[in-house]
Amino acid sequence: MDEKNKNAQEMGEEEVKGLIDLKKLDEAEAIIDQKLSRAENDPTWLKNKGIIHAKKKEYEKAEEYFLLALDHRPEDLTVIVNLGNIYLETGHPDAAENYYKQAISKDPSYDTPYYNLSALYKKKGDYDRSKKFKKDYKRRYMEKRKNKKPASSERKQYFSKEKVMIIVVIAILIALIFIR
């Protein structure tokens, strides 16, 4: 196995998402294709393949992969919302609205479909509904942030007041030793 194929085999979903974020779509797609060659119905890789096609504005192919992923994992909210996005991009706002509402019905705390519905209603000129869904989005987003433990809290716990005091005392003792 050559080095490129070995690396592709070892890559997981997070690494592929990183490549997608870096717009290295061809590289990400090659890895996904290799994953799908071993597990052709794996919903994770079908979803990621759909994301690649959506980023390339290949909406029919994206829809195909998202629908396949949804067949194998009907509760995947990101697939449902991505299908809504595809339909919105291709001029089917009613279908998009249905998918966003489907995502909300499956998990009312998931904030993304509220944001997307707000944008959809704004695009349609329904500003009252747009404001309502934007407000709902903000509330859910803030709840999610409030419940999410910030990474800095781990550092704060590590450097408790007691530990800081011990470090300061040790530093003073070391300084006194070297001053003599």
C-alpha atoms as a PDB file:
ATOM      1  CA  MET A   1       0.000   0.000   0.000  1.00  0.00           C
ATOM      2  CA  ASP A   2       1.494   3.349  -0.997  1.00  0.00           C
ATOM      3  CA  GLU A   3       1.887   6.177   1.533  1.00  0.00           C
ATOM      4  CA  LYS A   4      -1.061   8.225   0.223  1.00  0.00           C
ATOM      5  CA  ASN A   5      -3.477   5.283   0.475  1.00  0.00           C
ATOM      6  CA  LYS A   6      -2.160   4.395   3.924  1.00  0.00           C
ATOM      7  CA  ASN A   7      -2.775   7.951   5.116  1.00  0.00           C
ATOM      8  CA  ALA A   8      -6.248   7.939   3.605  1.00  0.00           C
ATOM      9  CA  GLN A   9      -7.089   4.699   5.363  1.00  0.00           C
ATOM     10  CA  GLU A  10      -6.026   6.082   8.736  1.00  0.00           C
ATOM     11  CA  MET A  11      -7.918   9.341   8.380  1.00  0.00           C
ATOM     12  CA  GLY A  12     -11.142   9.687  10.288  1.00  0.00           C
ATOM     13  CA  GLU A  13     -14.139  11.912   9.953  1.00  0.00           C
ATOM     14  CA  GLU A  14     -12.614  14.832  11.872  1.00  0.00           C
ATOM     15  CA  GLU A  15      -9.607  14.939   9.566  1.00  0.00           C
ATOM     16  CA  VAL A  16     -11.863  14.831   6.508  1.00  0.00           C
ATOM     17  CA  LYS A  17     -13.961  17.676   7.946  1.00  0.00           C
ATOM     18  CA  GLY A  18     -10.712  19.605   8.405  1.00  0.00           C
ATOM     19  CA  LEU A  19      -9.802  19.089   4.754  1.00  0.00           C
ATOM     20  CA  ILE A  20     -13.284  20.235   3.732  1.00  0.00           C
ATOM     21  CA  ASP A  21     -12.931  23.343   5.901  1.00  0.00           C
ATOM     22  CA  LEU A  22      -9.575  24.030   4.227  1.00  0.00           C
ATOM     23  CA  LYS A  23     -11.318  23.668   0.843  1.00  0.00           C
ATOM     24  CA  LYS A  24      -9.150  20.671  -0.055  1.00  0.00           C
ATOM     25  CA  LEU A  25     -12.219  19.037  -1.555  1.00  0.00           C
ATOM     26  CA  ASP A  26     -10.497  16.697  -3.991  1.00  0.00           C
ATOM     27  CA  GLU A  27      -8.242  15.330  -1.260  1.00  0.00           C
ATOM     28  CA  ALA A  28     -11.196  14.879   1.109  1.00  0.00           C
ATOM     29  CA  GLU A  29     -13.259  13.245  -1.629  1.00  0.00           C
ATOM     30  CA  ALA A  30     -10.494  10.736  -2.391  1.00  0.00           C
ATOM     31  CA  ILE A  31     -10.452   9.681   1.251  1.00  0.00           C
ATOM     32  CA  ILE A  32     -14.244   9.444   1.369  1.00  0.00           C
ATOM     33  CA  ASP A  33     -14.289   7.364  -1.820  1.00  0.00           C
ATOM     34  CA  GLN A  34     -11.792   4.977  -0.282  1.00  0.00           C
ATOM     35  CA  LYS A  35     -13.933   4.705   2.866  1.00  0.00           C
ATOM     36  CA  LEU A  36     -17.070   4.100   0.777  1.00  0.00           C
ATOM     37  CA  SER A  37     -15.304   1.409  -1.266  1.00  0.00           C
ATOM     38  CA  ARG A  38     -15.036  -0.612   1.949  1.00  0.00           C
ATOM     39  CA  ALA A  39     -18.433   0.334   3.406  1.00  0.00           C
ATOM     40  CA  GLU A  40     -20.644   1.671   0.632  1.00  0.00           C
ATOM     41  CA  ASN A  41     -23.650   2.359   2.857  1.00  0.00           C
ATOM     42  CA  ASP A  42     -21.854   4.021   5.751  1.00  0.00           C
ATOM     43  CA  PRO A  43     -24.032   7.075   6.504  1.00  0.00           C
ATOM     44  CA  THR A  44     -21.115   9.088   7.876  1.00  0.00           C
ATOM     45  CA  TRP A  45     -19.201   8.878   4.611  1.00  0.00           C
ATOM     46  CA  LEU A  46     -22.345   9.265   2.476  1.00  0.00           C
ATOM     47  CA  LYS A  47     -23.101  12.486   4.357  1.00  0.00           C
ATOM     48  CA  ASN A  48     -19.551  13.760   3.886  1.00  0.00           C
ATOM     49  CA  LYS A  49     -19.697  12.910   0.187  1.00  0.00           C
ATOM     50  CA  GLY A  50     -22.906  14.969   0.004  1.00  0.00           C
ATOM     51  CA  ILE A  51     -21.150  17.862   1.724  1.00  0.00           C
ATOM     52  CA  ILE A  52     -18.323  17.711  -0.834  1.00  0.00           C
ATOM     53  CA  HIS A  53     -20.788  17.859  -3.731  1.00  0.00           C
ATOM     54  CA  ALA A  54     -22.728  20.690  -2.089  1.00  0.00           C
ATOM     55  CA  LYS A  55     -19.504  22.684  -1.674  1.00  0.00           C
ATOM     56  CA  LYS A  56     -18.773  22.072  -5.356  1.00  0.00           C
ATOM     57  CA  LYS A  57     -22.341  23.256  -6.149  1.00  0.00           C
ATOM     58  CA  GLU A  58     -23.135  19.824  -7.590  1.00  0.00           C
ATOM     59  CA  TYR A  59     -26.554  19.865  -5.969  1.00  0.00           C
ATOM     60  CA  GLU A  60     -28.104  16.809  -7.643  1.00  0.00           C
ATOM     61  CA  LYS A  61     -25.216  14.613  -6.534  1.00  0.00           C
ATOM     62  CA  ALA A  62     -25.280  16.181  -3.071  1.00  0.00           C
ATOM     63  CA  GLU A  63     -28.998  15.448  -2.782  1.00  0.00           C
ATOM     64  CA  GLU A  64     -28.420  11.847  -3.870  1.00  0.00           C
ATOM     65  CA  TYR A  65     -25.786  11.245  -1.178  1.00  0.00           C
ATOM     66  CA  PHE A  66     -27.760  13.036   1.539  1.00  0.00           C
ATOM     67  CA  LEU A  67     -30.859  10.947   0.744  1.00  0.00           C
ATOM     68  CA  LEU A  68     -28.783   7.753   0.877  1.00  0.00           C
ATOM     69  CA  ALA A  69     -27.316   8.820   4.224  1.00  0.00           C
ATOM     70  CA  LEU A  70     -30.797   9.615   5.506  1.00  0.00           C
ATOM     71  CA  ASP A  71     -32.032   6.158   4.457  1.00  0.00           C
ATOM     72  CA  HIS A  72     -29.390   4.609   6.720  1.00  0.00           C
ATOM     73  CA  ARG A  73     -29.562   7.146   9.545  1.00  0.00           C
ATOM     74  CA  PRO A  74     -32.980   8.877   9.534  1.00  0.00           C
ATOM     75  CA  GLU A  75     -32.296  10.774  12.776  1.00  0.00           C
ATOM     76  CA  ASP A  76     -29.157  12.562  11.497  1.00  0.00           C
ATOM     77  CA  LEU A  77     -30.074  16.214  11.918  1.00  0.00           C
ATOM     78  CA  THR A  78     -27.139  17.519   9.897  1.00  0.00           C
ATOM     79  CA  VAL A  79     -28.241  15.462   6.900  1.00  0.00           C
ATOM     80  CA  ILE A  80     -31.807  16.719   7.257  1.00  0.00           C
ATOM     81  CA  VAL A  81     -30.673  20.348   7.460  1.00  0.00           C
ATOM     82  CA  ASN A  82     -28.239  19.871   4.576  1.00  0.00           C
ATOM     83  CA  LEU A  83     -31.080  18.536   2.430  1.00  0.00           C
ATOM     84  CA  GLY A  84     -33.028  21.674   3.317  1.00  0.00           C
ATOM     85  CA  ASN A  85     -30.037  23.756   2.260  1.00  0.00           C
ATOM     86  CA  ILE A  86     -29.828  21.923  -1.066  1.00  0.00           C
ATOM     87  CA  TYR A  87     -33.511  22.523  -1.760  1.00  0.00           C
ATOM     88  CA  LEU A  88     -33.192  26.175  -0.817  1.00  0.00           C
ATOM     89  CA  GLU A  89     -30.201  26.585  -3.140  1.00  0.00           C
ATOM     90  CA  THR A  90     -32.030  24.903  -6.011  1.00  0.00           C
ATOM     91  CA  GLY A  91     -35.153  27.054  -5.743  1.00  0.00           C
ATOM     92  CA  HIS A  92     -37.409  24.767  -3.712  1.00  0.00           C
ATOM     93  CA  PRO A  93     -38.069  26.820  -0.565  1.00  0.00           C
ATOM     94  CA  ASP A  94     -41.138  24.799   0.451  1.00  0.00           C
ATOM     95  CA  ALA A  95     -39.131  21.565   0.466  1.00  0.00           C
ATOM     96  CA  ALA A  96     -36.345  23.341   2.378  1.00  0.00           C
ATOM     97  CA  GLU A  97     -38.861  24.584   4.936  1.00  0.00           C
ATOM     98  CA  ASN A  98     -40.211  21.051   5.388  1.00  0.00           C
ATOM     99  CA  TYR A  99     -36.744  19.637   6.069  1.00  0.00           C
ATOM    100  CA  TYR A 100     -35.865  22.408   8.522  1.00  0.00           C
ATOM    101  CA  LYS A 101     -39.139  21.816  10.373  1.00  0.00           C
ATOM    102  CA  GLN A 102     -38.491  18.083  10.342  1.00  0.00           C
ATOM    103  CA  ALA A 103     -35.132  18.694  12.047  1.00  0.00           C
ATOM    104  CA  ILE A 104     -36.832  20.868  14.677  1.00  0.00           C
ATOM    105  CA  SER A 105     -39.473  18.218  15.327  1.00  0.00           C
ATOM    106  CA  LYS A 106     -36.750  15.615  15.910  1.00  0.00           C
ATOM    107  CA  ASP A 107     -34.738  17.855  18.248  1.00  0.00           C
ATOM    108  CA  PRO A 108     -36.197  21.240  19.247  1.00  0.00           C
ATOM    109  CA  SER A 109     -32.914  22.207  20.947  1.00  0.00           C
ATOM    110  CA  TYR A 110     -30.906  21.988  17.677  1.00  0.00           C
ATOM    111  CA  ASP A 111     -30.346  25.633  16.753  1.00  0.00           C
ATOM    112  CA  THR A 112     -29.287  25.470  13.088  1.00  0.00           C
ATOM    113  CA  PRO A 113     -32.724  24.893  11.502  1.00  0.00           C
ATOM    114  CA  TYR A 114     -34.090  27.926  13.355  1.00  0.00           C
ATOM    115  CA  TYR A 115     -31.378  30.084  11.816  1.00  0.00           C
ATOM    116  CA  ASN A 116     -32.042  28.625   8.371  1.00  0.00           C
ATOM    117  CA  LEU A 117     -35.802  29.151   8.686  1.00  0.00           C
ATOM    118  CA  SER A 118     -35.167  32.743   9.719  1.00  0.00           C
ATOM    119  CA  ALA A 119     -33.111  33.288   6.550  1.00  0.00           C
ATOM    120  CA  LEU A 120     -35.693  31.462   4.419  1.00  0.00           C
ATOM    121  CA  TYR A 121     -38.588  33.586   5.705  1.00  0.00           C
ATOM    122  CA  LYS A 122     -36.564  36.753   5.279  1.00  0.00           C
ATOM    123  CA  LYS A 123     -35.894  35.741   1.675  1.00  0.00           C
ATOM    124  CA  LYS A 124     -39.640  35.183   1.203  1.00  0.00           C
ATOM    125  CA  GLY A 125     -40.390  38.617   2.682  1.00  0.00           C
ATOM    126  CA  ASP A 126     -42.104  37.171   5.769  1.00  0.00           C
ATOM    127  CA  TYR A 127     -40.253  39.376   8.244  1.00  0.00           C
ATOM    128  CA  ASP A 128     -42.402  38.546  11.280  1.00  0.00           C
ATOM    129  CA  ARG A 129     -41.699  34.823  10.990  1.00  0.00           C
ATOM    130  CA  SER A 130     -38.067  35.582  10.194  1.00  0.00           C
ATOM    131  CA  LYS A 131     -37.730  37.577  13.435  1.00  0.00           C
ATOM    132  CA  LYS A 132     -39.468  34.838  15.424  1.00  0.00           C
ATOM    133  CA  PHE A 133     -37.115  32.132  14.186  1.00  0.00           C
ATOM    134  CA  LYS A 134     -34.054  34.341  14.594  1.00  0.00           C
ATOM    135  CA  LYS A 135     -35.081  34.967  18.204  1.00  0.00           C
ATOM    136  CA  ASP A 136     -35.598  31.211  18.702  1.00  0.00           C
ATOM    137  CA  TYR A 137     -32.196  30.555  17.141  1.00  0.00           C
ATOM    138  CA  LYS A 138     -30.436  33.048  19.423  1.00  0.00           C
ATOM    139  CA  ARG A 139     -32.099  31.608  22.520  1.00  0.00           C
ATOM    140  CA  ARG A 140     -31.108  28.047  21.638  1.00  0.00           C
ATOM    141  CA  TYR A 141     -27.606  29.087  20.617  1.00  0.00           C
ATOM    142  CA  MET A 142     -27.094  30.875  23.930  1.00  0.00           C
ATOM    143  CA  GLU A 143     -28.457  27.860  25.844  1.00  0.00           C
ATOM    144  CA  LYS A 144     -26.025  25.624  23.999  1.00  0.00           C
ATOM    145  CA  ARG A 145     -23.126  27.955  24.809  1.00  0.00           C
ATOM    146  CA  LYS A 146     -24.185  28.228  28.431  1.00  0.00           C
ATOM    147  CA  ASN A 147     -24.273  24.444  28.798  1.00  0.00           C
ATOM    148  CA  LYS A 148     -20.971  23.975  26.993  1.00  0.00           C
ATOM    149  CA  LYS A 149     -17.994  23.962  29.314  1.00  0.00           C
ATOM    150  CA  PRO A 150     -15.345  26.353  27.996  1.00  0.00           C
ATOM    151  CA  ALA A 151     -11.884  24.946  27.472  1.00  0.00           C
ATOM    152  CA  SER A 152     -10.413  27.667  29.668  1.00  0.00           C
ATOM    153  CA  SER A 153     -12.325  26.308  32.694  1.00  0.00           C
ATOM    154  CA  GLU A 154     -10.033  23.291  32.689  1.00  0.00           C
ATOM    155  CA  ARG A 155      -7.046  25.594  32.950  1.00  0.00           C
ATOM    156  CA  LYS A 156      -8.749  27.531  35.740  1.00  0.00           C
ATOM    157  CA  GLN A 157      -9.340  24.321  37.669  1.00  0.00           C
ATOM    158  CA  TYR A 158      -5.750  23.278  37.146  1.00  0.00           C
ATOM    159  CA  PHE A 159      -4.457  26.580  38.511  1.00  0.00           C
ATOM    160  CA  SER A 160      -6.579  26.805  41.651  1.00  0.00           C
ATOM    161  CA  LYS A 161      -5.827  29.500  44.234  1.00  0.00           C
ATOM    162  CA  GLU A 162      -4.073  26.974  46.448  1.00  0.00           C
ATOM    163  CA  LYS A 163      -1.758  25.841  43.663  1.00  0.00           C
ATOM    164  CA  VAL A 164      -0.960  29.421  42.712  1.00  0.00           C
ATOM    165  CA  MET A 165      -0.115  30.237  46.348  1.00  0.00           C
ATOM    166  CA  ILE A 166       2.184  27.215  46.571  1.00  0.00           C
ATOM    167  CA  ILE A 167       3.930  28.228  43.343  1.00  0.00           C
ATOM    168  CA  VAL A 168       4.391  31.802  44.630  1.00  0.00           C
ATOM    169  CA  VAL A 169       5.819  30.576  47.971  1.00  0.00           C
ATOM    170  CA  ILE A 170       8.224  28.240  46.178  1.00  0.00           C
ATOM    171  CA  ALA A 171       9.302  31.058  43.856  1.00  0.00           C
ATOM    172  CA  ILE A 172       9.955  33.345  46.845  1.00  0.00           C
ATOM    173  CA  LEU A 173      11.956  30.637  48.626  1.00  0.00           C
ATOM    174  CA  ILE A 174      14.055  30.008  45.516  1.00  0.00           C
ATOM    175  CA  ALA A 175      14.651  33.739  45.129  1.00  0.00           C
ATOM    176  CA  LEU A 176      15.731  34.025  48.782  1.00  0.00           C
ATOM    177  CA  ILE A 177      18.151  31.125  48.372  1.00  0.00           C
ATOM    178  CA  PHE A 178      19.812  32.705  45.340  1.00  0.00           C
ATOM    179  CA  ILE A 179      19.954  36.167  46.887  1.00  0.00           C
ATOM    180  CA  ARG A 180      22.138  34.952  49.802  1.00  0.00           C
END
